[in-house]
């Protein structure tokens, strides 16, 4: 890809980096089942009782408002990571089964990122990080305003690193019905301000996310880095339900 990156002049040269794995959007039942295998294995290591409910695809995996990101090894195409996002178009987020979102999120275009899982390998941390890069880029491209997550301890520390913030700070860890009633923090990040916020504080991941081109991340041919020549799609009733197709 050869885009006119909005941060190319101000923040320095864009560099290219190849990865030992690929990240793409799931487009078939076989892709979804690969993601489910990773999901079940990851949850079984940490929350085995709840993992029993994740052996098969969930209805949300096939919902039109869902986008499923899949990381695969270049060596043998085996799945090594996955993450799912689902928009709030026409339906509440899953987290809203357990808490009421604050007023300032009402009426916003949201996605909830769930079911993050990676294999237990040396590169697991990098896979998690770049799955989030793919999710963030996709949300920026389709005009999502906020990414909401729920995170149990100690995974919540990773989201703090990404500068997610508590949206219900007084609530602390809340049992989540869609995650086996395991206590989670509810956190969110504002998509449009991640790049300037990270740049202004010299965030250690800014270069990786915004000054490094990763050709091995494919979000439907759309830019992974912010660009001037790719118009952001503002959400409409036609766009958000088809978020996977738009990608």
C-alpha atoms as a PDB file:
ATOM      1  CA  UNK A   1       0.000   0.000   0.000  1.00  0.00           C
ATOM      2  CA  UNK A   2       1.182   3.489  -0.769  1.00  0.00           C
ATOM      3  CA  UNK A   3      -0.884   5.982   1.195  1.00  0.00           C
ATOM      4  CA  UNK A   4      -0.208   9.621   2.021  1.00  0.00           C
ATOM      5  CA  UNK A   5      -0.029   9.129   5.747  1.00  0.00           C
ATOM      6  CA  UNK A   6      -1.146  12.058   7.803  1.00  0.00           C
ATOM      7  CA  UNK A   7       1.647  11.497  10.322  1.00  0.00           C
ATOM      8  CA  UNK A   8       4.403  10.916   7.770  1.00  0.00           C
ATOM      9  CA  UNK A   9       5.720  14.483   7.730  1.00  0.00           C
ATOM     10  CA  UNK A  10       5.051  15.445  11.320  1.00  0.00           C
ATOM     11  CA  UNK A  11       6.169  12.274  13.021  1.00  0.00           C
ATOM     12  CA  UNK A  12       8.787  10.823  10.686  1.00  0.00           C
ATOM     13  CA  UNK A  13       9.229   8.186   8.012  1.00  0.00           C
ATOM     14  CA  UNK A  14       6.878   5.222   7.728  1.00  0.00           C
ATOM     15  CA  UNK A  15       8.767   1.925   7.933  1.00  0.00           C
ATOM     16  CA  UNK A  16       7.681  -1.547   6.852  1.00  0.00           C
ATOM     17  CA  UNK A  17       7.873  -4.612   9.062  1.00  0.00           C
ATOM     18  CA  UNK A  18       7.111  -8.208   8.138  1.00  0.00           C
ATOM     19  CA  UNK A  19       5.647 -10.581  10.697  1.00  0.00           C
ATOM     20  CA  UNK A  20       5.877 -14.365  11.202  1.00  0.00           C
ATOM     21  CA  UNK A  21       2.075 -14.433  11.198  1.00  0.00           C
ATOM     22  CA  UNK A  22      -0.840 -12.806   9.410  1.00  0.00           C
ATOM     23  CA  UNK A  23      -3.939 -11.061  10.731  1.00  0.00           C
ATOM     24  CA  UNK A  24      -7.122 -10.926   8.687  1.00  0.00           C
ATOM     25  CA  UNK A  25     -10.886 -10.754   9.038  1.00  0.00           C
ATOM     26  CA  UNK A  26     -12.685 -14.092   9.203  1.00  0.00           C
ATOM     27  CA  UNK A  27     -14.838 -14.657   6.126  1.00  0.00           C
ATOM     28  CA  UNK A  28     -15.956 -18.294   6.375  1.00  0.00           C
ATOM     29  CA  UNK A  29     -17.248 -20.865   8.810  1.00  0.00           C
ATOM     30  CA  UNK A  30     -13.825 -22.527   8.733  1.00  0.00           C
ATOM     31  CA  UNK A  31     -12.248 -19.226   9.819  1.00  0.00           C
ATOM     32  CA  UNK A  32     -14.735 -18.873  12.662  1.00  0.00           C
ATOM     33  CA  UNK A  33     -14.007 -22.391  13.869  1.00  0.00           C
ATOM     34  CA  UNK A  34     -10.286 -21.624  13.860  1.00  0.00           C
ATOM     35  CA  UNK A  35     -10.995 -18.637  16.086  1.00  0.00           C
ATOM     36  CA  UNK A  36     -13.177 -20.762  18.356  1.00  0.00           C
ATOM     37  CA  UNK A  37     -10.376 -23.301  18.803  1.00  0.00           C
ATOM     38  CA  UNK A  38      -7.981 -20.570  19.933  1.00  0.00           C
ATOM     39  CA  UNK A  39     -10.646 -18.964  22.124  1.00  0.00           C
ATOM     40  CA  UNK A  40     -11.467 -22.200  23.915  1.00  0.00           C
ATOM     41  CA  UNK A  41      -7.811 -23.109  24.483  1.00  0.00           C
ATOM     42  CA  UNK A  42      -6.991 -19.654  25.855  1.00  0.00           C
ATOM     43  CA  UNK A  43      -9.955 -19.508  28.220  1.00  0.00           C
ATOM     44  CA  UNK A  44      -9.364 -23.083  29.348  1.00  0.00           C
ATOM     45  CA  UNK A  45      -5.947 -22.074  30.663  1.00  0.00           C
ATOM     46  CA  UNK A  46      -7.307 -19.200  32.738  1.00  0.00           C
ATOM     47  CA  UNK A  47     -11.034 -19.768  33.393  1.00  0.00           C
ATOM     48  CA  UNK A  48     -11.671 -23.465  32.707  1.00  0.00           C
ATOM     49  CA  UNK A  49     -15.231 -23.542  34.013  1.00  0.00           C
ATOM     50  CA  UNK A  50     -16.338 -20.807  31.631  1.00  0.00           C
ATOM     51  CA  UNK A  51     -14.276 -22.304  28.794  1.00  0.00           C
ATOM     52  CA  UNK A  52     -16.681 -25.246  28.668  1.00  0.00           C
ATOM     53  CA  UNK A  53     -19.240 -22.853  27.155  1.00  0.00           C
ATOM     54  CA  UNK A  54     -16.848 -21.827  24.375  1.00  0.00           C
ATOM     55  CA  UNK A  55     -16.197 -25.132  22.630  1.00  0.00           C
ATOM     56  CA  UNK A  56     -18.525 -24.247  19.757  1.00  0.00           C
ATOM     57  CA  UNK A  57     -19.196 -21.011  17.845  1.00  0.00           C
ATOM     58  CA  UNK A  58     -21.550 -18.592  19.551  1.00  0.00           C
ATOM     59  CA  UNK A  59     -24.506 -16.921  17.806  1.00  0.00           C
ATOM     60  CA  UNK A  60     -22.611 -13.622  18.022  1.00  0.00           C
ATOM     61  CA  UNK A  61     -19.863 -15.070  15.812  1.00  0.00           C
ATOM     62  CA  UNK A  62     -22.315 -15.133  12.900  1.00  0.00           C
ATOM     63  CA  UNK A  63     -24.155 -11.886  13.617  1.00  0.00           C
ATOM     64  CA  UNK A  64     -24.063  -9.270  10.821  1.00  0.00           C
ATOM     65  CA  UNK A  65     -22.812  -6.686  13.332  1.00  0.00           C
ATOM     66  CA  UNK A  66     -19.791  -8.843  14.204  1.00  0.00           C
ATOM     67  CA  UNK A  67     -16.252  -8.694  12.858  1.00  0.00           C
ATOM     68  CA  UNK A  68     -13.887 -11.485  13.855  1.00  0.00           C
ATOM     69  CA  UNK A  69     -10.112 -10.998  13.570  1.00  0.00           C
ATOM     70  CA  UNK A  70      -7.926 -14.059  13.081  1.00  0.00           C
ATOM     71  CA  UNK A  71      -4.141 -14.369  13.450  1.00  0.00           C
ATOM     72  CA  UNK A  72      -2.497 -17.318  11.701  1.00  0.00           C
ATOM     73  CA  UNK A  73       1.027 -18.688  11.574  1.00  0.00           C
ATOM     74  CA  UNK A  74       2.787 -18.233   8.245  1.00  0.00           C
ATOM     75  CA  UNK A  75       4.468 -21.599   8.754  1.00  0.00           C
ATOM     76  CA  UNK A  76       1.374 -23.798   8.648  1.00  0.00           C
ATOM     77  CA  UNK A  77      -1.650 -21.443   8.680  1.00  0.00           C
ATOM     78  CA  UNK A  78      -2.555 -22.649  12.158  1.00  0.00           C
ATOM     79  CA  UNK A  79      -4.577 -20.176  14.248  1.00  0.00           C
ATOM     80  CA  UNK A  80      -2.545 -18.362  16.895  1.00  0.00           C
ATOM     81  CA  UNK A  81      -4.912 -15.606  18.006  1.00  0.00           C
ATOM     82  CA  UNK A  82      -8.359 -14.095  17.610  1.00  0.00           C
ATOM     83  CA  UNK A  83     -10.502 -11.196  18.787  1.00  0.00           C
ATOM     84  CA  UNK A  84     -14.153 -10.344  18.135  1.00  0.00           C
ATOM     85  CA  UNK A  85     -15.893  -6.998  17.933  1.00  0.00           C
ATOM     86  CA  UNK A  86     -19.633  -6.395  17.730  1.00  0.00           C
ATOM     87  CA  UNK A  87     -21.330  -3.066  17.119  1.00  0.00           C
ATOM     88  CA  UNK A  88     -24.293  -1.583  18.964  1.00  0.00           C
ATOM     89  CA  UNK A  89     -26.355  -0.926  15.849  1.00  0.00           C
ATOM     90  CA  UNK A  90     -29.858  -2.172  16.551  1.00  0.00           C
ATOM     91  CA  UNK A  91     -28.865  -3.977  19.738  1.00  0.00           C
ATOM     92  CA  UNK A  92     -27.193  -3.249  23.070  1.00  0.00           C
ATOM     93  CA  UNK A  93     -23.636  -4.355  23.682  1.00  0.00           C
ATOM     94  CA  UNK A  94     -23.203  -7.618  25.582  1.00  0.00           C
ATOM     95  CA  UNK A  95     -21.746  -5.705  28.524  1.00  0.00           C
ATOM     96  CA  UNK A  96     -25.113  -3.981  28.908  1.00  0.00           C
ATOM     97  CA  UNK A  97     -26.556  -7.236  30.235  1.00  0.00           C
ATOM     98  CA  UNK A  98     -24.644  -6.449  33.425  1.00  0.00           C
ATOM     99  CA  UNK A  99     -24.191  -2.667  33.652  1.00  0.00           C
ATOM    100  CA  UNK A 100     -25.734   0.519  32.325  1.00  0.00           C
ATOM    101  CA  UNK A 101     -23.323   2.544  30.240  1.00  0.00           C
ATOM    102  CA  UNK A 102     -22.799   6.188  31.275  1.00  0.00           C
ATOM    103  CA  UNK A 103     -24.815   8.942  29.635  1.00  0.00           C
ATOM    104  CA  UNK A 104     -21.858  10.218  27.612  1.00  0.00           C
ATOM    105  CA  UNK A 105     -21.733   6.931  25.677  1.00  0.00           C
ATOM    106  CA  UNK A 106     -25.444   6.890  24.907  1.00  0.00           C
ATOM    107  CA  UNK A 107     -26.130   7.554  21.243  1.00  0.00           C
ATOM    108  CA  UNK A 108     -22.513   6.899  20.224  1.00  0.00           C
ATOM    109  CA  UNK A 109     -21.412   4.325  17.671  1.00  0.00           C
ATOM    110  CA  UNK A 110     -19.722   1.660  19.761  1.00  0.00           C
ATOM    111  CA  UNK A 111     -18.162  -1.739  19.415  1.00  0.00           C
ATOM    112  CA  UNK A 112     -17.431  -4.143  22.217  1.00  0.00           C
ATOM    113  CA  UNK A 113     -14.228  -6.151  21.828  1.00  0.00           C
ATOM    114  CA  UNK A 114     -14.489  -9.615  23.344  1.00  0.00           C
ATOM    115  CA  UNK A 115     -13.159 -13.164  23.299  1.00  0.00           C
ATOM    116  CA  UNK A 116      -9.471 -12.268  22.947  1.00  0.00           C
ATOM    117  CA  UNK A 117      -7.345 -15.386  22.875  1.00  0.00           C
ATOM    118  CA  UNK A 118      -3.816 -16.326  21.803  1.00  0.00           C
ATOM    119  CA  UNK A 119      -1.745 -19.480  21.885  1.00  0.00           C
ATOM    120  CA  UNK A 120       0.767 -19.943  24.676  1.00  0.00           C
ATOM    121  CA  UNK A 121       3.851 -19.115  22.657  1.00  0.00           C
ATOM    122  CA  UNK A 122       6.732 -16.673  22.829  1.00  0.00           C
ATOM    123  CA  UNK A 123       5.015 -14.220  20.494  1.00  0.00           C
ATOM    124  CA  UNK A 124       1.665 -14.219  22.324  1.00  0.00           C
ATOM    125  CA  UNK A 125       2.113 -10.672  23.583  1.00  0.00           C
ATOM    126  CA  UNK A 126       2.946  -9.380  20.090  1.00  0.00           C
ATOM    127  CA  UNK A 127      -0.055 -11.185  18.616  1.00  0.00           C
ATOM    128  CA  UNK A 128      -2.365  -9.561  21.192  1.00  0.00           C
ATOM    129  CA  UNK A 129      -0.883  -6.144  20.503  1.00  0.00           C
ATOM    130  CA  UNK A 130      -1.224  -6.388  16.737  1.00  0.00           C
ATOM    131  CA  UNK A 131      -4.729  -7.823  16.944  1.00  0.00           C
ATOM    132  CA  UNK A 132      -5.615  -4.608  18.734  1.00  0.00           C
ATOM    133  CA  UNK A 133      -3.830  -2.583  16.039  1.00  0.00           C
ATOM    134  CA  UNK A 134      -6.040  -4.302  13.445  1.00  0.00           C
ATOM    135  CA  UNK A 135      -9.188  -3.717  15.505  1.00  0.00           C
ATOM    136  CA  UNK A 136      -8.334  -0.052  16.061  1.00  0.00           C
ATOM    137  CA  UNK A 137      -7.623   0.527  12.374  1.00  0.00           C
ATOM    138  CA  UNK A 138     -10.846  -1.160  11.306  1.00  0.00           C
ATOM    139  CA  UNK A 139     -12.901   0.867  13.777  1.00  0.00           C
ATOM    140  CA  UNK A 140     -11.269   4.089  12.582  1.00  0.00           C
ATOM    141  CA  UNK A 141     -11.996   3.217   8.948  1.00  0.00           C
ATOM    142  CA  UNK A 142     -15.707   2.550   9.509  1.00  0.00           C
ATOM    143  CA  UNK A 143     -16.302   5.486  11.835  1.00  0.00           C
ATOM    144  CA  UNK A 144     -16.710   3.753  15.193  1.00  0.00           C
ATOM    145  CA  UNK A 145     -16.392   6.287  18.011  1.00  0.00           C
ATOM    146  CA  UNK A 146     -15.568   4.156  21.056  1.00  0.00           C
ATOM    147  CA  UNK A 147     -14.229   0.658  21.683  1.00  0.00           C
ATOM    148  CA  UNK A 148     -15.590  -0.823  24.906  1.00  0.00           C
ATOM    149  CA  UNK A 149     -14.047  -3.835  26.633  1.00  0.00           C
ATOM    150  CA  UNK A 150     -14.448  -5.807  29.822  1.00  0.00           C
ATOM    151  CA  UNK A 151     -11.244  -7.101  31.372  1.00  0.00           C
ATOM    152  CA  UNK A 152     -10.515  -9.382  34.269  1.00  0.00           C
ATOM    153  CA  UNK A 153      -7.355  -9.124  36.337  1.00  0.00           C
ATOM    154  CA  UNK A 154      -4.524  -9.211  35.274  1.00  0.00           C
ATOM    155  CA  UNK A 155      -5.544  -8.724  31.621  1.00  0.00           C
ATOM    156  CA  UNK A 156      -6.870  -5.274  32.490  1.00  0.00           C
ATOM    157  CA  UNK A 157      -3.264  -4.081  32.846  1.00  0.00           C
ATOM    158  CA  UNK A 158      -2.717  -4.718  29.152  1.00  0.00           C
ATOM    159  CA  UNK A 159      -5.672  -2.491  28.298  1.00  0.00           C
ATOM    160  CA  UNK A 160      -4.312   0.188  30.614  1.00  0.00           C
ATOM    161  CA  UNK A 161      -1.149   0.060  28.508  1.00  0.00           C
ATOM    162  CA  UNK A 162      -3.319   0.743  25.459  1.00  0.00           C
ATOM    163  CA  UNK A 163      -4.730   3.747  27.434  1.00  0.00           C
ATOM    164  CA  UNK A 164      -8.209   2.320  27.917  1.00  0.00           C
ATOM    165  CA  UNK A 165      -9.876   4.014  30.874  1.00  0.00           C
ATOM    166  CA  UNK A 166     -12.557   2.919  33.317  1.00  0.00           C
ATOM    167  CA  UNK A 167     -15.990   4.132  32.307  1.00  0.00           C
ATOM    168  CA  UNK A 168     -17.502   3.085  35.653  1.00  0.00           C
ATOM    169  CA  UNK A 169     -14.605   3.878  38.012  1.00  0.00           C
ATOM    170  CA  UNK A 170     -16.707   3.577  41.157  1.00  0.00           C
ATOM    171  CA  UNK A 171     -17.922   0.102  40.202  1.00  0.00           C
ATOM    172  CA  UNK A 172     -14.535  -1.608  40.112  1.00  0.00           C
ATOM    173  CA  UNK A 173     -14.760  -5.244  39.024  1.00  0.00           C
ATOM    174  CA  UNK A 174     -18.327  -6.202  38.111  1.00  0.00           C
ATOM    175  CA  UNK A 175     -19.591  -9.772  37.464  1.00  0.00           C
ATOM    176  CA  UNK A 176     -20.308 -10.060  33.740  1.00  0.00           C
ATOM    177  CA  UNK A 177     -23.172 -12.264  32.580  1.00  0.00           C
ATOM    178  CA  UNK A 178     -21.634 -12.777  29.128  1.00  0.00           C
ATOM    179  CA  UNK A 179     -18.331 -13.907  30.659  1.00  0.00           C
ATOM    180  CA  UNK A 180     -19.538 -16.507  33.128  1.00  0.00           C
ATOM    181  CA  UNK A 181     -20.245 -13.934  35.884  1.00  0.00           C
ATOM    182  CA  UNK A 182     -16.501 -13.426  36.327  1.00  0.00           C
ATOM    183  CA  UNK A 183     -15.706  -9.931  37.721  1.00  0.00           C
ATOM    184  CA  UNK A 184     -14.390  -7.551  35.058  1.00  0.00           C
ATOM    185  CA  UNK A 185     -13.582  -3.868  34.763  1.00  0.00           C
ATOM    186  CA  UNK A 186     -15.513  -1.970  32.095  1.00  0.00           C
ATOM    187  CA  UNK A 187     -13.159   0.198  30.039  1.00  0.00           C
ATOM    188  CA  UNK A 188     -13.222   2.188  26.812  1.00  0.00           C
ATOM    189  CA  UNK A 189     -11.033   4.088  24.394  1.00  0.00           C
ATOM    190  CA  UNK A 190     -11.970   6.932  22.019  1.00  0.00           C
ATOM    191  CA  UNK A 191     -10.887   5.815  18.562  1.00  0.00           C
ATOM    192  CA  UNK A 192     -10.248   9.202  16.932  1.00  0.00           C
ATOM    193  CA  UNK A 193      -7.947  10.484  19.670  1.00  0.00           C
ATOM    194  CA  UNK A 194      -5.664   7.471  20.137  1.00  0.00           C
ATOM    195  CA  UNK A 195      -3.023   8.611  17.630  1.00  0.00           C
ATOM    196  CA  UNK A 196      -2.648  12.233  18.820  1.00  0.00           C
ATOM    197  CA  UNK A 197      -2.865  11.174  22.456  1.00  0.00           C
ATOM    198  CA  UNK A 198      -0.126   8.586  22.057  1.00  0.00           C
ATOM    199  CA  UNK A 199       2.017  10.959  19.992  1.00  0.00           C
ATOM    200  CA  UNK A 200       1.738  13.736  22.570  1.00  0.00           C
ATOM    201  CA  UNK A 201       2.854  11.490  25.437  1.00  0.00           C
ATOM    202  CA  UNK A 202       5.497   9.621  23.392  1.00  0.00           C
ATOM    203  CA  UNK A 203       3.655   6.361  24.008  1.00  0.00           C
ATOM    204  CA  UNK A 204       6.016   3.393  23.468  1.00  0.00           C
ATOM    205  CA  UNK A 205       3.573   1.768  21.022  1.00  0.00           C
ATOM    206  CA  UNK A 206       3.029   4.856  18.857  1.00  0.00           C
ATOM    207  CA  UNK A 207       5.683   3.904  16.307  1.00  0.00           C
ATOM    208  CA  UNK A 208       4.416   0.311  16.054  1.00  0.00           C
ATOM    209  CA  UNK A 209       0.808   1.396  15.568  1.00  0.00           C
ATOM    210  CA  UNK A 210       1.110   4.576  13.529  1.00  0.00           C
ATOM    211  CA  UNK A 211       4.549   4.670  11.860  1.00  0.00           C
ATOM    212  CA  UNK A 212       4.995   1.006  10.960  1.00  0.00           C
ATOM    213  CA  UNK A 213       3.357  -0.558   7.909  1.00  0.00           C
ATOM    214  CA  UNK A 214       2.480  -4.222   8.462  1.00  0.00           C
ATOM    215  CA  UNK A 215       1.601  -5.795   5.094  1.00  0.00           C
ATOM    216  CA  UNK A 216       0.717  -8.995   6.940  1.00  0.00           C
ATOM    217  CA  UNK A 217      -2.290  -7.279   8.526  1.00  0.00           C
ATOM    218  CA  UNK A 218      -5.162  -7.295   6.048  1.00  0.00           C
ATOM    219  CA  UNK A 219      -8.430  -5.647   7.057  1.00  0.00           C
ATOM    220  CA  UNK A 220     -10.197  -6.095   3.764  1.00  0.00           C
ATOM    221  CA  UNK A 221      -7.763  -3.985   1.770  1.00  0.00           C
ATOM    222  CA  UNK A 222      -8.456  -0.861   3.831  1.00  0.00           C
ATOM    223  CA  UNK A 223      -5.547   1.113   5.316  1.00  0.00           C
ATOM    224  CA  UNK A 224      -4.089  -0.067   8.596  1.00  0.00           C
ATOM    225  CA  UNK A 225      -2.331   3.262   9.141  1.00  0.00           C
ATOM    226  CA  UNK A 226      -4.276   6.553   9.127  1.00  0.00           C
ATOM    227  CA  UNK A 227      -4.266   8.013   5.632  1.00  0.00           C
ATOM    228  CA  UNK A 228      -5.459  11.121   3.864  1.00  0.00           C
ATOM    229  CA  UNK A 229      -6.561   9.282   0.722  1.00  0.00           C
ATOM    230  CA  UNK A 230      -8.980   6.868   2.409  1.00  0.00           C
ATOM    231  CA  UNK A 231     -12.219   8.531   3.529  1.00  0.00           C
ATOM    232  CA  UNK A 232     -13.563   7.482   6.898  1.00  0.00           C
ATOM    233  CA  UNK A 233     -16.956   5.855   6.489  1.00  0.00           C
ATOM    234  CA  UNK A 234     -19.395   7.588   8.782  1.00  0.00           C
ATOM    235  CA  UNK A 235     -21.766   5.036  10.316  1.00  0.00           C
ATOM    236  CA  UNK A 236     -25.249   4.802   8.894  1.00  0.00           C
ATOM    237  CA  UNK A 237     -27.967   2.219   9.218  1.00  0.00           C
ATOM    238  CA  UNK A 238     -26.555   0.673   6.050  1.00  0.00           C
ATOM    239  CA  UNK A 239     -22.950   0.585   7.221  1.00  0.00           C
ATOM    240  CA  UNK A 240     -22.777  -0.490  10.827  1.00  0.00           C
ATOM    241  CA  UNK A 241     -24.867  -3.684  10.570  1.00  0.00           C
ATOM    242  CA  UNK A 242     -22.615  -4.791   7.721  1.00  0.00           C
ATOM    243  CA  UNK A 243     -19.395  -3.973   9.497  1.00  0.00           C
ATOM    244  CA  UNK A 244     -17.805  -7.274   8.502  1.00  0.00           C
ATOM    245  CA  UNK A 245     -18.754  -6.763   4.844  1.00  0.00           C
ATOM    246  CA  UNK A 246     -17.586  -3.139   4.794  1.00  0.00           C
ATOM    247  CA  UNK A 247     -14.205  -4.315   6.016  1.00  0.00           C
END
